[in-house]
Protein backbone atom coordinates (compact mmCIF):
# COMPACT_ATOMS: atom_id res chain seq x y z
CA MET A 1 -18.74 16.88 -4.74
CA SER A 2 -15.27 18.44 -4.57
CA THR A 3 -12.78 15.77 -3.46
CA LEU A 4 -9.15 16.02 -2.37
CA VAL A 5 -6.81 13.05 -2.77
CA THR A 6 -3.41 12.82 -1.14
CA GLY A 7 -0.99 10.27 -2.52
CA ALA A 8 -2.59 10.48 -5.96
CA ALA A 9 0.76 9.97 -7.67
CA GLY A 10 1.32 6.68 -5.87
CA PHE A 11 0.25 3.13 -6.61
CA LEU A 12 -3.07 2.85 -4.77
CA GLY A 13 -3.74 6.59 -4.76
CA SER A 14 -3.58 6.84 -8.55
CA HIS A 15 -6.24 4.12 -8.87
CA VAL A 16 -8.49 5.82 -6.31
CA THR A 17 -8.08 9.09 -8.21
CA ARG A 18 -8.85 7.45 -11.56
CA GLN A 19 -12.03 5.86 -10.25
CA LEU A 20 -13.22 9.10 -8.65
CA VAL A 21 -12.78 10.91 -11.97
CA ALA A 22 -14.58 8.09 -13.82
CA ARG A 23 -17.47 8.51 -11.39
CA GLY A 24 -17.70 12.19 -12.24
CA ASP A 25 -16.17 13.78 -9.12
CA ASP A 26 -14.31 17.07 -9.26
CA VAL A 27 -10.92 15.96 -7.98
CA ARG A 28 -8.10 18.02 -6.53
CA VAL A 29 -4.78 16.35 -5.79
CA LEU A 30 -2.00 17.35 -3.40
CA LEU A 31 1.42 16.73 -4.92
CA ARG A 32 4.86 17.55 -3.62
CA ALA A 33 7.00 19.71 -5.88
CA SER A 34 9.35 16.74 -6.35
CA SER A 35 6.60 14.26 -7.30
CA THR A 36 5.83 12.98 -10.78
CA ASN A 37 2.25 12.73 -11.99
CA ARG A 38 3.00 10.02 -14.58
CA ALA A 39 0.25 7.71 -13.25
CA ILE A 40 -2.47 10.39 -13.47
CA ALA A 41 -1.20 12.76 -16.17
CA ASP A 42 -4.10 11.96 -18.50
CA LEU A 43 -6.81 12.88 -15.97
CA PRO A 44 -8.64 16.23 -15.65
CA LEU A 45 -7.43 17.22 -12.19
CA GLU A 46 -6.80 20.34 -10.15
CA TYR A 47 -3.29 20.34 -8.72
CA VAL A 48 -2.13 21.89 -5.46
CA THR A 49 1.58 21.82 -4.67
CA GLY A 50 2.24 21.06 -1.04
CA ASP A 51 3.42 18.63 1.58
CA LEU A 52 1.80 16.85 4.51
CA ARG A 53 4.50 18.35 6.71
CA ASP A 54 3.49 21.90 5.65
CA PRO A 55 0.19 22.88 7.35
CA ALA A 56 -0.20 26.05 5.26
CA SER A 57 -0.19 24.02 2.04
CA LEU A 58 -2.85 21.71 3.49
CA ASP A 59 -5.09 24.70 4.25
CA ARG A 60 -4.78 25.73 0.60
CA ALA A 61 -5.55 22.22 -0.58
CA MET A 62 -8.63 21.93 1.68
CA LYS A 63 -10.28 25.16 0.56
CA GLY A 64 -13.77 24.36 -0.72
CA VAL A 65 -13.30 20.61 -0.33
CA LYS A 66 -16.12 18.42 1.01
CA ARG A 67 -14.45 14.98 0.97
CA VAL A 68 -10.85 13.84 1.48
CA PHE A 69 -9.17 10.56 0.61
CA HIS A 70 -5.91 10.52 2.56
CA VAL A 71 -4.03 7.77 0.73
CA ALA A 72 -0.51 9.21 0.97
CA ALA A 73 2.04 7.33 3.06
CA ASP A 74 5.77 6.83 3.24
CA TYR A 75 5.74 3.08 2.47
CA ARG A 76 9.34 1.97 2.88
CA LEU A 77 10.95 -0.85 4.81
CA TRP A 78 14.23 1.05 4.93
CA ALA A 79 15.08 4.73 5.19
CA LYS A 80 18.40 6.47 5.65
CA ARG A 81 16.68 8.72 8.18
CA LYS A 82 13.97 6.79 10.05
CA GLN A 83 12.36 9.98 11.39
CA ASP A 84 11.26 10.87 7.85
CA ILE A 85 8.80 7.96 7.94
CA TYR A 86 7.25 9.21 11.20
CA ASP A 87 7.21 12.83 10.02
CA SER A 88 5.14 11.90 6.97
CA ASN A 89 2.95 9.11 8.28
CA VAL A 90 2.22 10.36 11.80
CA GLY A 91 2.99 14.08 11.76
CA GLY A 92 1.58 14.50 8.25
CA THR A 93 -1.64 12.72 9.16
CA LYS A 94 -2.09 14.88 12.26
CA ASN A 95 -1.56 18.00 10.14
CA LEU A 96 -4.13 16.79 7.61
CA LEU A 97 -6.71 15.98 10.29
CA TYR A 98 -6.32 19.44 11.81
CA ALA A 99 -6.63 21.06 8.37
CA ALA A 100 -9.76 19.01 7.61
CA LYS A 101 -11.32 20.12 10.87
CA ARG A 102 -10.53 23.77 10.14
CA ALA A 103 -12.03 23.42 6.65
CA GLY A 104 -15.17 21.69 7.90
CA VAL A 105 -14.91 18.72 5.53
CA GLU A 106 -17.92 16.40 5.48
CA GLN A 107 -16.00 13.14 5.16
CA LEU A 108 -12.42 11.90 5.41
CA ILE A 109 -11.36 8.42 4.32
CA TYR A 110 -8.04 7.58 5.93
CA THR A 111 -6.03 4.81 4.27
CA SER A 112 -4.39 2.76 6.99
CA THR A 113 -3.00 -0.74 6.38
CA VAL A 114 -3.59 -4.37 7.26
CA ALA A 115 -0.25 -4.16 9.10
CA THR A 116 -1.90 -2.47 12.10
CA ILE A 117 -3.89 -5.64 12.93
CA ALA A 118 -2.08 -8.51 11.13
CA VAL A 119 -0.45 -9.96 14.23
CA ASP A 120 -0.16 -13.43 15.74
CA ARG A 121 -3.56 -14.60 17.02
CA PRO A 122 -5.22 -18.04 17.37
CA GLN A 123 -7.67 -17.04 14.60
CA HIS A 124 -7.18 -14.75 11.62
CA PRO A 125 -7.31 -11.10 12.81
CA ASN A 126 -10.03 -8.75 11.58
CA GLU A 127 -11.12 -5.13 12.06
CA PHE A 128 -11.95 -5.77 15.70
CA THR A 129 -8.49 -7.09 16.57
CA ASP A 130 -6.83 -4.81 19.13
CA ALA A 131 -3.12 -4.93 18.30
CA LYS A 132 -0.55 -3.18 20.45
CA LEU A 133 2.27 -0.86 19.37
CA GLU A 134 4.87 -3.32 20.69
CA GLU A 135 3.53 -5.91 18.22
CA MET A 136 4.39 -3.68 15.27
CA VAL A 137 7.61 -4.75 13.51
CA GLY A 138 9.64 -1.89 12.05
CA HIS A 139 9.22 1.82 11.57
CA TYR A 140 6.64 1.68 8.77
CA LYS A 141 4.24 -0.50 10.77
CA ARG A 142 4.76 1.50 13.95
CA SER A 143 4.19 4.80 12.17
CA LYS A 144 0.98 3.57 10.54
CA TRP A 145 -0.31 2.19 13.85
CA MET A 146 0.30 5.57 15.45
CA ALA A 147 -1.29 7.45 12.54
CA GLU A 148 -4.35 5.20 12.62
CA LYS A 149 -4.80 6.00 16.32
CA GLU A 150 -4.73 9.70 15.44
CA ALA A 151 -7.42 9.16 12.79
CA LEU A 152 -9.67 7.15 15.09
CA GLY A 153 -9.13 9.70 17.87
CA ALA A 154 -10.21 12.48 15.52
CA ALA A 155 -13.36 10.50 14.70
CA LYS A 156 -14.21 10.24 18.40
CA SER A 157 -13.73 14.02 18.66
CA GLY A 158 -16.30 14.67 15.95
CA LEU A 159 -14.36 14.64 12.66
CA PRO A 160 -16.16 12.34 10.16
CA VAL A 161 -13.28 9.90 9.63
CA ILE A 162 -13.61 6.35 8.29
CA VAL A 163 -10.61 4.03 8.04
CA ALA A 164 -9.77 1.90 5.00
CA MET A 165 -7.33 -0.96 5.62
CA PRO A 166 -5.89 -2.33 2.36
CA THR A 167 -4.14 -5.66 2.60
CA THR A 168 -1.45 -6.13 -0.08
CA PRO A 169 -2.50 -4.50 -3.37
CA VAL A 170 -1.04 -5.89 -6.60
CA GLY A 171 -1.64 -4.86 -10.19
CA PRO A 172 -0.60 -2.34 -12.84
CA TRP A 173 1.04 1.06 -12.30
CA ASP A 174 3.15 0.08 -9.28
CA TRP A 175 5.84 2.16 -10.92
CA LYS A 176 8.24 2.95 -8.02
CA PRO A 177 7.68 -0.01 -7.08
CA THR A 178 6.28 -0.72 -3.60
CA PRO A 179 8.03 -3.39 -1.51
CA THR A 180 5.48 -5.92 -2.80
CA GLY A 181 6.04 -4.81 -6.38
CA LYS A 182 9.77 -5.28 -5.81
CA ILE A 183 9.14 -8.93 -4.89
CA ILE A 184 7.28 -9.40 -8.17
CA LEU A 185 10.06 -7.69 -10.12
CA ASP A 186 12.78 -9.68 -8.37
CA PHE A 187 10.99 -12.84 -9.47
CA LEU A 188 10.54 -11.58 -13.03
CA ASN A 189 14.20 -10.59 -13.30
CA GLY A 190 15.57 -13.80 -11.79
CA LYS A 191 16.85 -12.13 -8.61
CA MET A 192 15.06 -14.45 -6.19
CA PRO A 193 17.12 -17.59 -5.54
CA GLY A 194 14.82 -18.77 -2.76
CA TYR A 195 11.90 -17.90 -0.52
CA VAL A 196 11.04 -17.79 3.17
CA LYS A 197 8.00 -19.24 4.85
CA THR A 198 5.54 -16.36 5.15
CA GLY A 199 2.11 -15.34 3.95
CA LEU A 200 0.08 -12.28 3.04
CA ASN A 201 -3.42 -11.35 2.02
CA PHE A 202 -3.37 -10.06 -1.56
CA VAL A 203 -5.95 -7.94 -3.40
CA GLY A 204 -6.16 -6.43 -6.87
CA VAL A 205 -5.31 -2.73 -6.67
CA GLU A 206 -8.30 -1.77 -8.82
CA GLU A 207 -10.70 -3.60 -6.48
CA CYS A 208 -8.97 -2.09 -3.47
CA ALA A 209 -9.49 1.39 -4.94
CA ALA A 210 -13.16 0.57 -5.60
CA GLY A 211 -13.40 -0.49 -1.95
CA HIS A 212 -12.36 3.02 -0.92
CA LEU A 213 -15.33 4.44 -2.83
CA LEU A 214 -17.63 1.89 -1.19
CA ILE A 215 -16.36 2.94 2.23
CA ALA A 216 -17.18 6.56 1.37
CA GLU A 217 -20.66 5.48 0.28
CA LYS A 218 -21.59 2.97 2.97
CA GLY A 219 -18.98 3.06 5.75
CA LYS A 220 -19.64 4.23 9.28
CA VAL A 221 -17.70 7.05 10.92
CA GLY A 222 -15.06 5.79 13.34
CA GLU A 223 -15.04 2.27 11.88
CA ARG A 224 -12.30 0.26 10.13
CA TYR A 225 -12.79 -1.83 6.98
CA LEU A 226 -10.33 -4.41 5.65
CA LEU A 227 -10.07 -4.41 1.86
CA GLY A 228 -8.54 -7.76 0.98
CA GLY A 229 -8.80 -10.78 -1.24
CA GLU A 230 -6.94 -14.06 -0.83
CA ASN A 231 -4.60 -15.34 1.87
CA LEU A 232 -1.58 -16.83 0.08
CA THR A 233 1.83 -18.01 1.21
CA LEU A 234 4.77 -16.40 -0.54
CA LYS A 235 5.43 -19.76 -2.20
CA GLN A 236 1.87 -19.87 -3.56
CA MET A 237 2.25 -16.34 -4.90
CA LEU A 238 5.54 -17.20 -6.63
CA ASP A 239 4.05 -20.39 -8.08
CA THR A 240 1.20 -18.29 -9.49
CA LEU A 241 3.70 -15.93 -11.11
CA ALA A 242 5.49 -18.96 -12.58
CA LYS A 243 2.24 -20.15 -14.18
CA ILE A 244 1.58 -16.69 -15.61
CA THR A 245 5.05 -16.19 -17.06
CA GLY A 246 6.45 -19.64 -17.75
CA LEU A 247 9.48 -18.74 -15.63
CA ARG A 248 10.65 -21.16 -12.96
CA ALA A 249 9.60 -20.49 -9.39
CA PRO A 250 12.35 -20.72 -6.75
CA ILE A 251 12.39 -24.06 -4.95
CA LEU A 252 14.94 -23.26 -2.23
CA LYS A 253 13.27 -22.62 1.13
CA ILE A 254 15.52 -20.29 3.11
CA PRO A 255 15.44 -20.45 6.93
CA HIS A 256 14.47 -17.15 8.54
CA GLY A 257 17.70 -17.02 10.54
CA LEU A 258 19.82 -17.31 7.42
CA ALA A 259 17.70 -14.74 5.58
CA LEU A 260 18.07 -12.31 8.48
CA GLY A 261 21.85 -12.72 8.50
CA VAL A 262 22.00 -12.04 4.77
CA ALA A 263 19.79 -8.97 5.24
CA TYR A 264 22.07 -7.54 7.94
CA ALA A 265 25.13 -8.11 5.74
CA ASN A 266 23.37 -6.59 2.72
CA THR A 267 22.32 -3.54 4.74
CA ALA A 268 25.83 -3.02 6.10
CA PHE A 269 27.30 -3.18 2.60
CA ALA A 270 24.61 -0.85 1.23
CA ARG A 271 25.42 1.67 3.96
CA LEU A 272 29.10 1.59 2.99
CA VAL A 273 28.37 2.29 -0.68
CA GLY A 274 25.57 4.76 0.08
CA ARG A 275 22.59 3.04 -1.46
CA GLU A 276 19.35 1.37 -0.41
CA PRO A 277 19.71 -2.29 0.65
CA GLY A 278 18.21 -4.87 -1.68
CA ILE A 279 17.14 -7.02 1.29
CA PRO A 280 15.80 -4.78 4.08
CA VAL A 281 16.16 -6.18 7.59
CA GLU A 282 12.63 -5.01 8.46
CA GLY A 283 11.22 -6.96 5.53
CA VAL A 284 12.78 -10.21 6.76
CA LYS A 285 11.63 -9.59 10.33
CA ILE A 286 8.08 -8.94 9.11
CA ALA A 287 8.20 -12.16 7.08
CA ARG A 288 8.48 -14.19 10.29
CA HIS A 289 4.75 -13.62 10.77
CA MET A 290 1.92 -14.97 8.62
CA MET A 291 -0.19 -11.91 7.82
CA PHE A 292 -3.41 -13.80 7.05
CA VAL A 293 -6.61 -11.93 7.90
CA ASP A 294 -10.40 -12.29 7.75
CA CYS A 295 -11.84 -9.79 5.27
CA ALA A 296 -15.50 -10.84 5.48
CA ARG A 297 -16.79 -7.60 7.01
CA ALA A 298 -16.31 -5.37 3.96
CA LYS A 299 -17.96 -7.96 1.75
CA ARG A 300 -20.88 -8.32 4.14
CA GLU A 301 -21.45 -4.65 5.03
CA LEU A 302 -20.19 -2.76 1.97
CA GLY A 303 -20.73 -5.23 -0.86
CA PHE A 304 -16.99 -5.29 -1.51
CA GLN A 305 -15.87 -7.84 -4.10
CA ALA A 306 -12.27 -8.85 -4.71
CA GLY A 307 -11.38 -10.52 -8.00
CA PRO A 308 -8.94 -13.41 -8.41
CA VAL A 309 -5.45 -12.53 -7.22
CA ALA A 310 -3.97 -14.51 -10.13
CA ALA A 311 -5.65 -12.08 -12.54
CA ALA A 312 -4.30 -9.08 -10.61
CA LEU A 313 -0.79 -10.55 -10.66
CA GLU A 314 -1.08 -11.07 -14.39
CA ARG A 315 -2.10 -7.44 -14.88
CA ALA A 316 0.98 -6.43 -12.86
CA VAL A 317 3.26 -8.66 -14.93
CA ARG A 318 1.92 -7.36 -18.24
CA TRP A 319 2.29 -3.75 -17.11
CA TYR A 320 5.90 -4.28 -16.04
CA GLU A 321 6.55 -6.09 -19.32
CA ALA A 322 5.01 -3.30 -21.42
CA ASN A 323 6.94 -0.60 -19.55
CA GLY A 324 10.41 -2.09 -19.76
CA TYR A 325 10.92 -3.20 -16.16
CA ILE A 326 11.90 -6.75 -17.13
CA ALA A 327 15.35 -7.67 -18.45
CA LYS A 328 15.25 -8.46 -22.16
CA SER A 329 16.53 -12.01 -21.70
CA ARG A 330 13.81 -12.77 -19.16
CA ALA A 331 11.14 -11.09 -21.28
CA LYS A 332 12.15 -13.27 -24.23
CA ARG A 333 11.80 -16.38 -22.10
CA MET A 334 8.33 -15.23 -21.07
CA ALA A 335 7.37 -14.60 -24.69
CA HIS A 336 8.68 -18.02 -25.72
CA ALA A 337 6.70 -19.72 -22.96
CA ALA A 338 3.53 -17.92 -24.03
CA ALA A 339 3.96 -18.85 -27.71
């Protein structure tokens, strides 16, 4: 089956692409002219240059395609121009859905996010949690909530759309890195003096990619499936990294109010010097909420299996180490601890 993947150059998208090729699919990828294919350069792929904001390029990419994995997203917690996030995540998704309908594709897997349902509830949210737009913190979450509504609306109108909802993928090849990868790198490079009380559901990126293929095989049109592993506090995640690396985990618990003040000051300074803030305000605001979820449905209905998060974090650490992301002094300390 001819398959199109958007976001193939990214963290999760590259793993989805790799697993599709390993399965024997003929895979076409949509890449922007400015994108690098470093994560997929070794794969036998057909490339189409285009952009989610360019409908004509999507028509070219869809020609002859039977299945689409729409993994691409603008995953940032800060942007100089906020509208760019909406243009890609909402407008781009609408363009892709229209192109898929014109092309008569047989299946479209839309990659949403846990963020659209991970809100404050008495019990852990799941796929049936009905979260509201006003509960979404920040432009990324709001844009993905809106895009998911477009995808589910298209399914109700007859387009064969199924929604994948990754939690927080971790593992190798997070080369940009994502906001989560930046947390790991800040720890590895000694740039994390403390932590805030928060929690996330983590999943190995390879298992999350495999979950996308399971959704294509067994998922039901118009349904959502959470692809997650373990609910961990940020402190538990940092302690796990400390065990893996031998580096000391931060012990200073920072109040959310103080962290938010630092983030505002950091953002103001970054704006003055014309660079991205190291501590995005949105990230701190999101951290006020424990994003623990119940991921039992995918295991029960799809046979999804998530491996140990500690193993996924170790794969991430070793990849960053092998690719020069860690300061030499810190890498030496890691090597000494492992000896």
